[in-house]
Each structure stands twice: as C-alpha cells, then as structure tokens.
C-alpha atoms as a PDB file:
ATOM      1  CA  UNK A   1     102.136  53.459 104.143  1.00  0.00           C
ATOM      2  CA  UNK A   2     104.532  54.859 106.741  1.00  0.00           C
ATOM      3  CA  UNK A   3     107.567  52.808 107.726  1.00  0.00           C
ATOM      4  CA  UNK A   4     108.003  52.224 111.444  1.00  0.00           C
ATOM      5  CA  UNK A   5     111.172  51.341 113.272  1.00  0.00           C
ATOM      6  CA  UNK A   6     111.212  48.336 115.540  1.00  0.00           C
ATOM      7  CA  UNK A   7     113.960  47.763 118.081  1.00  0.00           C
ATOM      8  CA  UNK A   8     114.492  44.208 119.192  1.00  0.00           C
ATOM      9  CA  UNK A   9     116.956  42.650 121.547  1.00  0.00           C
ATOM     10  CA  UNK A  10     118.485  39.326 120.544  1.00  0.00           C
ATOM     11  CA  UNK A  11     120.998  37.572 122.762  1.00  0.00           C
ATOM     12  CA  UNK A  12     124.362  37.422 121.006  1.00  0.00           C
ATOM     13  CA  UNK A  13     124.572  33.646 121.312  1.00  0.00           C
ATOM     14  CA  UNK A  14     121.207  33.268 119.572  1.00  0.00           C
ATOM     15  CA  UNK A  15     122.419  35.491 116.779  1.00  0.00           C
ATOM     16  CA  UNK A  16     125.639  33.477 116.463  1.00  0.00           C
ATOM     17  CA  UNK A  17     123.679  30.218 116.411  1.00  0.00           C
ATOM     18  CA  UNK A  18     121.452  31.579 113.640  1.00  0.00           C
ATOM     19  CA  UNK A  19     124.424  32.770 111.597  1.00  0.00           C
ATOM     20  CA  UNK A  20     126.122  29.385 111.760  1.00  0.00           C
ATOM     21  CA  UNK A  21     123.011  27.856 110.194  1.00  0.00           C
ATOM     22  CA  UNK A  22     123.071  30.173 107.152  1.00  0.00           C
ATOM     23  CA  UNK A  23     124.220  28.877 103.801  1.00  0.00           C
ATOM     24  CA  UNK A  24     127.452  30.257 102.348  1.00  0.00           C
ATOM     25  CA  UNK A  25     125.680  32.710 100.036  1.00  0.00           C
ATOM     26  CA  UNK A  26     123.863  34.360 102.941  1.00  0.00           C
ATOM     27  CA  UNK A  27     127.005  34.366 105.097  1.00  0.00           C
ATOM     28  CA  UNK A  28     128.885  36.220 102.351  1.00  0.00           C
ATOM     29  CA  UNK A  29     126.012  38.691 102.053  1.00  0.00           C
ATOM     30  CA  UNK A  30     126.101  39.240 105.817  1.00  0.00           C
ATOM     31  CA  UNK A  31     129.886  39.629 105.782  1.00  0.00           C
ATOM     32  CA  UNK A  32     129.663  42.327 103.099  1.00  0.00           C
ATOM     33  CA  UNK A  33     126.956  44.126 105.038  1.00  0.00           C
ATOM     34  CA  UNK A  34     129.018  44.057 108.229  1.00  0.00           C
ATOM     35  CA  UNK A  35     132.159  45.196 106.387  1.00  0.00           C
ATOM     36  CA  UNK A  36     130.252  48.171 104.966  1.00  0.00           C
ATOM     37  CA  UNK A  37     128.769  49.064 108.341  1.00  0.00           C
ATOM     38  CA  UNK A  38     132.146  48.862 110.084  1.00  0.00           C
ATOM     39  CA  UNK A  39     133.805  50.952 107.378  1.00  0.00           C
ATOM     40  CA  UNK A  40     131.127  53.625 107.739  1.00  0.00           C
ATOM     41  CA  UNK A  41     131.493  53.677 111.514  1.00  0.00           C
ATOM     42  CA  UNK A  42     135.279  53.901 111.269  1.00  0.00           C
ATOM     43  CA  UNK A  43     134.995  56.742 108.767  1.00  0.00           C
ATOM     44  CA  UNK A  44     132.633  58.615 111.080  1.00  0.00           C
ATOM     45  CA  UNK A  45     135.031  58.072 113.984  1.00  0.00           C
ATOM     46  CA  UNK A  46     137.996  59.301 111.969  1.00  0.00           C
ATOM     47  CA  UNK A  47     136.134  62.381 110.809  1.00  0.00           C
ATOM     48  CA  UNK A  48     135.045  63.271 114.339  1.00  0.00           C
ATOM     49  CA  UNK A  49     138.480  62.798 115.944  1.00  0.00           C
ATOM     50  CA  UNK A  50     140.401  66.103 115.908  1.00  0.00           C
ATOM     51  CA  UNK A  51     143.765  64.344 116.172  1.00  0.00           C
ATOM     52  CA  UNK A  52     143.107  62.196 113.130  1.00  0.00           C
ATOM     53  CA  UNK A  53     141.723  65.162 111.182  1.00  0.00           C
ATOM     54  CA  UNK A  54     144.914  67.104 111.974  1.00  0.00           C
ATOM     55  CA  UNK A  55     147.100  64.164 110.906  1.00  0.00           C
ATOM     56  CA  UNK A  56     145.196  63.809 107.630  1.00  0.00           C
ATOM     57  CA  UNK A  57     145.515  67.545 106.996  1.00  0.00           C
ATOM     58  CA  UNK A  58     149.254  67.381 107.737  1.00  0.00           C
ATOM     59  CA  UNK A  59     149.740  64.380 105.438  1.00  0.00           C
ATOM     60  CA  UNK A  60     147.863  66.062 102.586  1.00  0.00           C
ATOM     61  CA  UNK A  61     149.922  69.240 102.998  1.00  0.00           C
ATOM     62  CA  UNK A  62     153.152  67.219 102.932  1.00  0.00           C
ATOM     63  CA  UNK A  63     152.015  65.398  99.805  1.00  0.00           C
ATOM     64  CA  UNK A  64     151.133  68.658  98.044  1.00  0.00           C
ATOM     65  CA  UNK A  65     154.565  70.027  98.978  1.00  0.00           C
ATOM     66  CA  UNK A  66     156.214  66.927  97.478  1.00  0.00           C
ATOM     67  CA  UNK A  67     157.401  65.709 100.869  1.00  0.00           C
ATOM     68  CA  UNK A  68     156.898  61.992 100.303  1.00  0.00           C
ATOM     69  CA  UNK A  69     158.606  58.987  98.761  1.00  0.00           C
ATOM     70  CA  UNK A  70     157.244  56.462  96.329  1.00  0.00           C
ATOM     71  CA  UNK A  71     156.973  52.804  97.229  1.00  0.00           C
ATOM     72  CA  UNK A  72     159.840  52.055  94.836  1.00  0.00           C
ATOM     73  CA  UNK A  73     162.025  54.610  96.614  1.00  0.00           C
ATOM     74  CA  UNK A  74     161.084  53.128  99.965  1.00  0.00           C
ATOM     75  CA  UNK A  75     161.913  49.581  98.846  1.00  0.00           C
ATOM     76  CA  UNK A  76     165.226  50.649  97.357  1.00  0.00           C
ATOM     77  CA  UNK A  77     166.151  52.476 100.546  1.00  0.00           C
ATOM     78  CA  UNK A  78     165.240  49.456 102.696  1.00  0.00           C
ATOM     79  CA  UNK A  79     167.344  47.104 100.556  1.00  0.00           C
ATOM     80  CA  UNK A  80     170.524  49.141 101.132  1.00  0.00           C
END
C-alpha cells in the first residue's frame, strides 16, 4: 500500500489548546520531537549559511594549529 501525504491546516490556538490537554508523558514526547526538529532545522541553516561555514572552517583551522585555550586556562586568566 502506498503512503500518501496529507496537508492540513490547524489554527495555532486549537493546537495549543490540544497540547495543554495532553498528559505529561505525551507532552515530554512532543517536546523531544520538537527539539529534534528544531535542531535539524538549525543544522540545515548553519550548513547553508556561507558566513557560518567560513567561521566553522576558521575555528577548525585554528584548533588544528593549536590556537586555542582550554577552559581551565580561560578560568585562570579570568580570575587574575
């Protein structure tokens, strides 16, 4: 059997009302789903943004060259 996509439009307030009626277990499940979806979208955005790609490339090059400080070094420096 072939799967078919269905697009529906639900007013945001109706969705919010439905979510508030969920039990805690289902709310946690929904939260995890949304967190995963947002993380994937952010990752896609980062990968498609040339500025961010350049910054990541620059940071990796600096790390490989040893141009970084550890968290302990940072904390020590801040305490002085």
